[in-house]
């Protein structure tokens, strides 16, 4: 940081390095520091199945699935949520 006082004009000039003006936070990373990461595929799923078979009457079977599928390639992140239900 530099200070320069101009006595003739009664003016104080303060020079601050530009790096000091950059905003910083513990919970934020500037986009210029982001990395693309590795290419990959992901699949998150949950399955639920049930079967009901009473001694009298009709039985039933249920299957439910849901989750997220995705792919990372370069700077692209593609995600899809899905669900399936069978009675």
PDB file of N, CA and C in Angstrom:
ATOM      1  N   UNK A   1       0.854  -1.153   0.000  1.00  0.00           N
ATOM      2  CA  UNK A   1       0.000   0.000   0.000  1.00  0.00           C
ATOM      3  C   UNK A   1       0.911   1.230   0.000  1.00  0.00           C
ATOM      4  N   UNK A   2       0.562   2.192  -0.811  1.00  0.00           N
ATOM      5  CA  UNK A   2       1.352   3.420  -0.920  1.00  0.00           C
ATOM      6  C   UNK A   2       0.505   4.626  -0.554  1.00  0.00           C
ATOM      7  N   UNK A   3       1.121   5.564   0.173  1.00  0.00           N
ATOM      8  CA  UNK A   3       0.482   6.826   0.528  1.00  0.00           C
ATOM      9  C   UNK A   3       1.294   7.955  -0.082  1.00  0.00           C
ATOM     10  N   UNK A   4       0.613   8.885  -0.704  1.00  0.00           N
ATOM     11  CA  UNK A   4       1.288  10.039  -1.295  1.00  0.00           C
ATOM     12  C   UNK A   4       0.458  11.287  -0.974  1.00  0.00           C
ATOM     13  N   UNK A   5       1.053  12.217  -0.228  1.00  0.00           N
ATOM     14  CA  UNK A   5       0.337  13.438   0.152  1.00  0.00           C
ATOM     15  C   UNK A   5       0.803  14.586  -0.723  1.00  0.00           C
ATOM     16  N   UNK A   6      -0.145  15.194  -1.415  1.00  0.00           N
ATOM     17  CA  UNK A   6       0.133  16.369  -2.245  1.00  0.00           C
ATOM     18  C   UNK A   6      -0.217  17.602  -1.409  1.00  0.00           C
ATOM     19  N   UNK A   7       0.819  18.230  -0.862  1.00  0.00           N
ATOM     20  CA  UNK A   7       0.594  19.338   0.064  1.00  0.00           C
ATOM     21  C   UNK A   7      -0.004  20.558  -0.631  1.00  0.00           C
ATOM     22  N   UNK A   8       0.377  20.797  -1.868  1.00  0.00           N
ATOM     23  CA  UNK A   8      -0.136  21.967  -2.588  1.00  0.00           C
ATOM     24  C   UNK A   8      -1.653  21.890  -2.761  1.00  0.00           C
ATOM     25  N   UNK A   9      -2.171  20.685  -3.035  1.00  0.00           N
ATOM     26  CA  UNK A   9      -3.613  20.506  -3.239  1.00  0.00           C
ATOM     27  C   UNK A   9      -4.324  19.964  -2.003  1.00  0.00           C
ATOM     28  N   UNK A  10      -3.552  19.713  -0.940  1.00  0.00           N
ATOM     29  CA  UNK A  10      -4.113  19.121   0.280  1.00  0.00           C
ATOM     30  C   UNK A  10      -4.879  17.834  -0.058  1.00  0.00           C
ATOM     31  N   UNK A  11      -4.175  16.959  -0.781  1.00  0.00           N
ATOM     32  CA  UNK A  11      -4.796  15.727  -1.282  1.00  0.00           C
ATOM     33  C   UNK A  11      -3.939  14.538  -0.872  1.00  0.00           C
ATOM     34  N   UNK A  12      -4.576  13.494  -0.328  1.00  0.00           N
ATOM     35  CA  UNK A  12      -3.884  12.260   0.032  1.00  0.00           C
ATOM     36  C   UNK A  12      -4.269  11.184  -0.981  1.00  0.00           C
ATOM     37  N   UNK A  13      -3.303  10.652  -1.683  1.00  0.00           N
ATOM     38  CA  UNK A  13      -3.527   9.571  -2.646  1.00  0.00           C
ATOM     39  C   UNK A  13      -3.097   8.256  -2.007  1.00  0.00           C
ATOM     40  N   UNK A  14      -3.988   7.304  -2.016  1.00  0.00           N
ATOM     41  CA  UNK A  14      -3.707   5.982  -1.451  1.00  0.00           C
ATOM     42  C   UNK A  14      -3.791   4.973  -2.585  1.00  0.00           C
ATOM     43  N   UNK A  15      -2.733   4.199  -2.755  1.00  0.00           N
ATOM     44  CA  UNK A  15      -2.700   3.155  -3.779  1.00  0.00           C
ATOM     45  C   UNK A  15      -2.773   1.801  -3.077  1.00  0.00           C
ATOM     46  N   UNK A  16      -3.792   1.026  -3.433  1.00  0.00           N
ATOM     47  CA  UNK A  16      -4.005  -0.297  -2.837  1.00  0.00           C
ATOM     48  C   UNK A  16      -3.805  -1.339  -3.925  1.00  0.00           C
ATOM     49  N   UNK A  17      -3.024  -2.404  -3.658  1.00  0.00           N
ATOM     50  CA  UNK A  17      -2.849  -3.462  -4.665  1.00  0.00           C
ATOM     51  C   UNK A  17      -4.194  -4.081  -5.046  1.00  0.00           C
ATOM     52  N   UNK A  18      -4.364  -4.366  -6.317  1.00  0.00           N
ATOM     53  CA  UNK A  18      -5.632  -4.905  -6.807  1.00  0.00           C
ATOM     54  C   UNK A  18      -5.961  -6.244  -6.152  1.00  0.00           C
ATOM     55  N   UNK A  19      -4.952  -7.035  -5.831  1.00  0.00           N
ATOM     56  CA  UNK A  19      -5.193  -8.335  -5.191  1.00  0.00           C
ATOM     57  C   UNK A  19      -5.899  -8.167  -3.846  1.00  0.00           C
ATOM     58  N   UNK A  20      -5.680  -7.051  -3.178  1.00  0.00           N
ATOM     59  CA  UNK A  20      -6.338  -6.812  -1.896  1.00  0.00           C
ATOM     60  C   UNK A  20      -7.823  -6.517  -2.064  1.00  0.00           C
ATOM     61  N   UNK A  21      -8.236  -6.136  -3.260  1.00  0.00           N
ATOM     62  CA  UNK A  21      -9.627  -5.776  -3.510  1.00  0.00           C
ATOM     63  C   UNK A  21     -10.491  -6.979  -3.871  1.00  0.00           C
ATOM     64  N   UNK A  22      -9.868  -8.117  -4.122  1.00  0.00           N
ATOM     65  CA  UNK A  22     -10.626  -9.321  -4.475  1.00  0.00           C
ATOM     66  C   UNK A  22     -11.420  -9.788  -3.263  1.00  0.00           C
ATOM     67  N   UNK A  23     -12.654 -10.211  -3.506  1.00  0.00           N
ATOM     68  CA  UNK A  23     -13.523 -10.668  -2.427  1.00  0.00           C
ATOM     69  C   UNK A  23     -13.144 -12.086  -2.036  1.00  0.00           C
ATOM     70  N   UNK A  24     -13.053 -12.359  -0.748  1.00  0.00           N
ATOM     71  CA  UNK A  24     -12.703 -13.689  -0.248  1.00  0.00           C
ATOM     72  C   UNK A  24     -13.722 -14.114   0.803  1.00  0.00           C
ATOM     73  N   UNK A  25     -14.018 -15.392   0.797  1.00  0.00           N
ATOM     74  CA  UNK A  25     -14.908 -15.967   1.797  1.00  0.00           C
ATOM     75  C   UNK A  25     -14.521 -17.423   1.992  1.00  0.00           C
ATOM     76  N   UNK A  26     -14.730 -17.928   3.189  1.00  0.00           N
ATOM     77  CA  UNK A  26     -14.419 -19.334   3.462  1.00  0.00           C
ATOM     78  C   UNK A  26     -15.344 -20.272   2.696  1.00  0.00           C
ATOM     79  N   UNK A  27     -16.552 -19.820   2.385  1.00  0.00           N
ATOM     80  CA  UNK A  27     -17.562 -20.679   1.761  1.00  0.00           C
ATOM     81  C   UNK A  27     -17.731 -20.437   0.272  1.00  0.00           C
ATOM     82  N   UNK A  28     -16.771 -19.781  -0.359  1.00  0.00           N
ATOM     83  CA  UNK A  28     -16.899 -19.457  -1.775  1.00  0.00           C
ATOM     84  C   UNK A  28     -15.559 -19.645  -2.460  1.00  0.00           C
ATOM     85  N   UNK A  29     -15.581 -20.243  -3.643  1.00  0.00           N
ATOM     86  CA  UNK A  29     -14.382 -20.417  -4.452  1.00  0.00           C
ATOM     87  C   UNK A  29     -14.620 -19.721  -5.781  1.00  0.00           C
ATOM     88  N   UNK A  30     -13.724 -18.819  -6.190  1.00  0.00           N
ATOM     89  CA  UNK A  30     -13.938 -18.118  -7.456  1.00  0.00           C
ATOM     90  C   UNK A  30     -13.907 -19.081  -8.642  1.00  0.00           C
ATOM     91  N   UNK A  31     -14.746 -18.864  -9.654  1.00  0.00           N
ATOM     92  CA  UNK A  31     -14.795 -19.755 -10.814  1.00  0.00           C
ATOM     93  C   UNK A  31     -13.446 -19.925 -11.504  1.00  0.00           C
ATOM     94  N   UNK A  32     -12.575 -18.944 -11.414  1.00  0.00           N
ATOM     95  CA  UNK A  32     -11.267 -19.058 -12.073  1.00  0.00           C
ATOM     96  C   UNK A  32     -10.416 -20.172 -11.475  1.00  0.00           C
ATOM     97  N   UNK A  33     -10.752 -20.636 -10.283  1.00  0.00           N
ATOM     98  CA  UNK A  33      -9.977 -21.712  -9.647  1.00  0.00           C
ATOM     99  C   UNK A  33     -10.655 -23.076  -9.764  1.00  0.00           C
ATOM    100  N   UNK A  34     -11.825 -23.136 -10.375  1.00  0.00           N
ATOM    101  CA  UNK A  34     -12.529 -24.407 -10.512  1.00  0.00           C
ATOM    102  C   UNK A  34     -11.780 -25.325 -11.462  1.00  0.00           C
ATOM    103  N   UNK A  35     -11.807 -26.609 -11.175  1.00  0.00           N
ATOM    104  CA  UNK A  35     -11.238 -27.615 -12.061  1.00  0.00           C
ATOM    105  C   UNK A  35     -12.385 -28.456 -12.609  1.00  0.00           C
ATOM    106  N   UNK A  36     -12.193 -28.986 -13.809  1.00  0.00           N
ATOM    107  CA  UNK A  36     -13.270 -29.754 -14.444  1.00  0.00           C
ATOM    108  C   UNK A  36     -13.461 -31.119 -13.792  1.00  0.00           C
ATOM    109  N   UNK A  37     -12.459 -31.639 -13.145  1.00  0.00           N
ATOM    110  CA  UNK A  37     -12.590 -32.941 -12.519  1.00  0.00           C
ATOM    111  C   UNK A  37     -12.400 -34.061 -13.523  1.00  0.00           C
ATOM    112  N   UNK A  38     -12.829 -35.246 -13.153  1.00  0.00           N
ATOM    113  CA  UNK A  38     -12.656 -36.415 -14.014  1.00  0.00           C
ATOM    114  C   UNK A  38     -13.983 -36.774 -14.671  1.00  0.00           C
ATOM    115  N   UNK A  39     -13.888 -37.380 -15.839  1.00  0.00           N
ATOM    116  CA  UNK A  39     -15.091 -37.858 -16.527  1.00  0.00           C
ATOM    117  C   UNK A  39     -15.610 -39.088 -15.789  1.00  0.00           C
ATOM    118  N   UNK A  40     -16.905 -39.241 -15.743  1.00  0.00           N
ATOM    119  CA  UNK A  40     -17.456 -40.399 -15.055  1.00  0.00           C
ATOM    120  C   UNK A  40     -18.960 -40.493 -15.198  1.00  0.00           C
ATOM    121  N   UNK A  41     -19.468 -41.616 -14.728  1.00  0.00           N
ATOM    122  CA  UNK A  41     -20.900 -41.901 -14.744  1.00  0.00           C
ATOM    123  C   UNK A  41     -21.309 -42.219 -13.313  1.00  0.00           C
ATOM    124  N   UNK A  42     -22.500 -41.793 -12.928  1.00  0.00           N
ATOM    125  CA  UNK A  42     -22.970 -42.117 -11.587  1.00  0.00           C
ATOM    126  C   UNK A  42     -24.417 -42.573 -11.647  1.00  0.00           C
ATOM    127  N   UNK A  43     -24.754 -43.388 -10.658  1.00  0.00           N
ATOM    128  CA  UNK A  43     -26.136 -43.838 -10.537  1.00  0.00           C
ATOM    129  C   UNK A  43     -26.429 -44.060  -9.065  1.00  0.00           C
ATOM    130  N   UNK A  44     -27.419 -43.353  -8.583  1.00  0.00           N
ATOM    131  CA  UNK A  44     -27.882 -43.477  -7.209  1.00  0.00           C
ATOM    132  C   UNK A  44     -29.289 -44.061  -7.292  1.00  0.00           C
ATOM    133  N   UNK A  45     -29.566 -45.060  -6.488  1.00  0.00           N
ATOM    134  CA  UNK A  45     -30.881 -45.679  -6.597  1.00  0.00           C
ATOM    135  C   UNK A  45     -31.381 -46.144  -5.239  1.00  0.00           C
ATOM    136  N   UNK A  46     -32.689 -46.275  -5.145  1.00  0.00           N
ATOM    137  CA  UNK A  46     -33.370 -46.842  -3.988  1.00  0.00           C
ATOM    138  C   UNK A  46     -34.429 -47.795  -4.521  1.00  0.00           C
ATOM    139  N   UNK A  47     -34.460 -48.975  -3.968  1.00  0.00           N
ATOM    140  CA  UNK A  47     -35.441 -49.983  -4.369  1.00  0.00           C
ATOM    141  C   UNK A  47     -36.275 -50.380  -3.159  1.00  0.00           C
ATOM    142  N   UNK A  48     -37.570 -50.504  -3.374  1.00  0.00           N
ATOM    143  CA  UNK A  48     -38.480 -50.954  -2.339  1.00  0.00           C
ATOM    144  C   UNK A  48     -39.394 -52.011  -2.949  1.00  0.00           C
ATOM    145  N   UNK A  49     -39.485 -53.137  -2.287  1.00  0.00           N
ATOM    146  CA  UNK A  49     -40.363 -54.204  -2.769  1.00  0.00           C
ATOM    147  C   UNK A  49     -41.188 -54.717  -1.596  1.00  0.00           C
ATOM    148  N   UNK A  50     -42.433 -55.054  -1.880  1.00  0.00           N
ATOM    149  CA  UNK A  50     -43.289 -55.629  -0.847  1.00  0.00           C
ATOM    150  C   UNK A  50     -44.212 -56.661  -1.483  1.00  0.00           C
ATOM    151  N   UNK A  51     -44.542 -57.626  -0.677  1.00  0.00           N
ATOM    152  CA  UNK A  51     -45.460 -58.670  -1.136  1.00  0.00           C
ATOM    153  C   UNK A  51     -46.457 -58.945  -0.017  1.00  0.00           C
ATOM    154  N   UNK A  52     -47.727 -58.955  -0.366  1.00  0.00           N
ATOM    155  CA  UNK A  52     -48.793 -59.195   0.601  1.00  0.00           C
ATOM    156  C   UNK A  52     -49.566 -60.420   0.150  1.00  0.00           C
ATOM    157  N   UNK A  53     -49.596 -61.442   1.011  1.00  0.00           N
ATOM    158  CA  UNK A  53     -50.292 -62.690   0.662  1.00  0.00           C
ATOM    159  C   UNK A  53     -51.147 -63.153   1.841  1.00  0.00           C
ATOM    160  N   UNK A  54     -52.364 -62.687   1.872  1.00  0.00           N
ATOM    161  CA  UNK A  54     -53.247 -63.124   2.963  1.00  0.00           C
ATOM    162  C   UNK A  54     -53.719 -64.558   2.733  1.00  0.00           C
ATOM    163  N   UNK A  55     -54.189 -65.184   3.796  1.00  0.00           N
ATOM    164  CA  UNK A  55     -54.708 -66.549   3.655  1.00  0.00           C
ATOM    165  C   UNK A  55     -55.996 -66.555   2.841  1.00  0.00           C
ATOM    166  N   UNK A  56     -56.775 -65.505   2.997  1.00  0.00           N
ATOM    167  CA  UNK A  56     -58.010 -65.371   2.224  1.00  0.00           C
ATOM    168  C   UNK A  56     -57.919 -64.108   1.373  1.00  0.00           C
ATOM    169  N   UNK A  57     -58.314 -64.166   0.137  1.00  0.00           N
ATOM    170  CA  UNK A  57     -58.325 -62.986  -0.715  1.00  0.00           C
ATOM    171  C   UNK A  57     -57.144 -62.974  -1.676  1.00  0.00           C
ATOM    172  N   UNK A  58     -57.022 -61.875  -2.368  1.00  0.00           N
ATOM    173  CA  UNK A  58     -55.986 -61.784  -3.396  1.00  0.00           C
ATOM    174  C   UNK A  58     -54.685 -61.219  -2.814  1.00  0.00           C
ATOM    175  N   UNK A  59     -53.600 -61.638  -3.395  1.00  0.00           N
ATOM    176  CA  UNK A  59     -52.280 -61.156  -2.969  1.00  0.00           C
ATOM    177  C   UNK A  59     -51.857 -59.973  -3.844  1.00  0.00           C
ATOM    178  N   UNK A  60     -50.867 -59.234  -3.381  1.00  0.00           N
ATOM    179  CA  UNK A  60     -50.355 -58.116  -4.172  1.00  0.00           C
ATOM    180  C   UNK A  60     -48.840 -58.001  -3.985  1.00  0.00           C
ATOM    181  N   UNK A  61     -48.194 -57.545  -5.031  1.00  0.00           N
ATOM    182  CA  UNK A  61     -46.749 -57.318  -5.007  1.00  0.00           C
ATOM    183  C   UNK A  61     -46.480 -55.924  -5.564  1.00  0.00           C
ATOM    184  N   UNK A  62     -45.658 -55.168  -4.883  1.00  0.00           N
ATOM    185  CA  UNK A  62     -45.321 -53.806  -5.315  1.00  0.00           C
ATOM    186  C   UNK A  62     -43.808 -53.663  -5.434  1.00  0.00           C
ATOM    187  N   UNK A  63     -43.381 -52.921  -6.439  1.00  0.00           N
ATOM    188  CA  UNK A  63     -41.966 -52.610  -6.629  1.00  0.00           C
ATOM    189  C   UNK A  63     -41.852 -51.125  -6.946  1.00  0.00           C
ATOM    190  N   UNK A  64     -41.030 -50.436  -6.199  1.00  0.00           N
ATOM    191  CA  UNK A  64     -40.785 -49.009  -6.427  1.00  0.00           C
ATOM    192  C   UNK A  64     -39.284 -48.777  -6.506  1.00  0.00           C
ATOM    193  N   UNK A  65     -38.884 -47.915  -7.423  1.00  0.00           N
ATOM    194  CA  UNK A  65     -37.474 -47.541  -7.557  1.00  0.00           C
ATOM    195  C   UNK A  65     -37.405 -46.059  -7.884  1.00  0.00           C
ATOM    196  N   UNK A  66     -36.415 -45.394  -7.323  1.00  0.00           N
ATOM    197  CA  UNK A  66     -36.166 -43.999  -7.692  1.00  0.00           C
ATOM    198  C   UNK A  66     -34.709 -43.670  -7.426  1.00  0.00           C
ATOM    199  N   UNK A  67     -34.243 -42.601  -8.045  1.00  0.00           N
ATOM    200  CA  UNK A  67     -32.856 -42.205  -7.846  1.00  0.00           C
ATOM    201  C   UNK A  67     -32.415 -41.141  -8.825  1.00  0.00           C
ATOM    202  N   UNK A  68     -31.104 -41.040  -8.984  1.00  0.00           N
ATOM    203  CA  UNK A  68     -30.485 -40.048  -9.859  1.00  0.00           C
ATOM    204  C   UNK A  68     -29.432 -40.730 -10.712  1.00  0.00           C
ATOM    205  N   UNK A  69     -29.411 -40.405 -11.991  1.00  0.00           N
ATOM    206  CA  UNK A  69     -28.366 -40.882 -12.897  1.00  0.00           C
ATOM    207  C   UNK A  69     -27.645 -39.657 -13.443  1.00  0.00           C
ATOM    208  N   UNK A  70     -26.365 -39.808 -13.742  1.00  0.00           N
ATOM    209  CA  UNK A  70     -25.638 -38.655 -14.244  1.00  0.00           C
ATOM    210  C   UNK A  70     -24.363 -39.024 -14.965  1.00  0.00           C
ATOM    211  N   UNK A  71     -23.826 -38.045 -15.671  1.00  0.00           N
ATOM    212  CA  UNK A  71     -22.568 -38.211 -16.396  1.00  0.00           C
ATOM    213  C   UNK A  71     -21.789 -36.899 -16.296  1.00  0.00           C
ATOM    214  N   UNK A  72     -20.489 -37.011 -16.115  1.00  0.00           N
ATOM    215  CA  UNK A  72     -19.584 -35.862 -16.107  1.00  0.00           C
ATOM    216  C   UNK A  72     -18.624 -36.026 -17.273  1.00  0.00           C
ATOM    217  N   UNK A  73     -18.538 -35.019 -18.117  1.00  0.00           N
ATOM    218  CA  UNK A  73     -17.567 -35.027 -19.202  1.00  0.00           C
ATOM    219  C   UNK A  73     -17.121 -33.593 -19.465  1.00  0.00           C
ATOM    220  N   UNK A  74     -15.838 -33.350 -19.332  1.00  0.00           N
ATOM    221  CA  UNK A  74     -15.324 -31.988 -19.463  1.00  0.00           C
ATOM    222  C   UNK A  74     -15.952 -31.101 -18.404  1.00  0.00           C
ATOM    223  N   UNK A  75     -16.434 -29.947 -18.806  1.00  0.00           N
ATOM    224  CA  UNK A  75     -17.089 -29.029 -17.868  1.00  0.00           C
ATOM    225  C   UNK A  75     -18.586 -29.313 -17.736  1.00  0.00           C
ATOM    226  N   UNK A  76     -19.099 -30.315 -18.451  1.00  0.00           N
ATOM    227  CA  UNK A  76     -20.528 -30.618 -18.446  1.00  0.00           C
ATOM    228  C   UNK A  76     -20.877 -31.569 -17.317  1.00  0.00           C
ATOM    229  N   UNK A  77     -22.001 -31.298 -16.666  1.00  0.00           N
ATOM    230  CA  UNK A  77     -22.570 -32.156 -15.634  1.00  0.00           C
ATOM    231  C   UNK A  77     -24.036 -32.384 -16.001  1.00  0.00           C
ATOM    232  N   UNK A  78     -24.377 -33.581 -16.395  1.00  0.00           N
ATOM    233  CA  UNK A  78     -25.755 -33.906 -16.780  1.00  0.00           C
ATOM    234  C   UNK A  78     -26.357 -34.803 -15.704  1.00  0.00           C
ATOM    235  N   UNK A  79     -27.551 -34.476 -15.231  1.00  0.00           N
ATOM    236  CA  UNK A  79     -28.224 -35.241 -14.189  1.00  0.00           C
ATOM    237  C   UNK A  79     -29.672 -35.489 -14.584  1.00  0.00           C
ATOM    238  N   UNK A  80     -30.180 -36.613 -14.118  1.00  0.00           N
ATOM    239  CA  UNK A  80     -31.572 -36.947 -14.364  1.00  0.00           C
ATOM    240  C   UNK A  80     -32.117 -37.681 -13.144  1.00  0.00           C
ATOM    241  N   UNK A  81     -33.285 -37.297 -12.689  1.00  0.00           N
ATOM    242  CA  UNK A  81     -33.970 -38.010 -11.614  1.00  0.00           C
ATOM    243  C   UNK A  81     -34.996 -38.939 -12.249  1.00  0.00           C
ATOM    244  N   UNK A  82     -35.144 -40.110 -11.679  1.00  0.00           N
ATOM    245  CA  UNK A  82     -36.087 -41.065 -12.246  1.00  0.00           C
ATOM    246  C   UNK A  82     -36.866 -41.747 -11.131  1.00  0.00           C
ATOM    247  N   UNK A  83     -38.016 -42.307 -11.520  1.00  0.00           N
ATOM    248  CA  UNK A  83     -38.787 -43.129 -10.599  1.00  0.00           C
ATOM    249  C   UNK A  83     -39.597 -44.144 -11.394  1.00  0.00           C
ATOM    250  N   UNK A  84     -39.830 -45.278 -10.743  1.00  0.00           N
ATOM    251  CA  UNK A  84     -40.554 -46.378 -11.374  1.00  0.00           C
ATOM    252  C   UNK A  84     -41.456 -46.999 -10.319  1.00  0.00           C
ATOM    253  N   UNK A  85     -42.668 -47.356 -10.727  1.00  0.00           N
ATOM    254  CA  UNK A  85     -43.596 -48.003  -9.812  1.00  0.00           C
ATOM    255  C   UNK A  85     -44.328 -49.108 -10.547  1.00  0.00           C
ATOM    256  N   UNK A  86     -44.370 -50.279  -9.939  1.00  0.00           N
ATOM    257  CA  UNK A  86     -45.073 -51.420 -10.522  1.00  0.00           C
ATOM    258  C   UNK A  86     -45.978 -52.020  -9.457  1.00  0.00           C
ATOM    259  N   UNK A  87     -47.250 -52.187  -9.800  1.00  0.00           N
ATOM    260  CA  UNK A  87     -48.207 -52.795  -8.853  1.00  0.00           C
ATOM    261  C   UNK A  87     -48.578 -54.176  -9.310  1.00  0.00           C
TER     262      UNK A  87
END
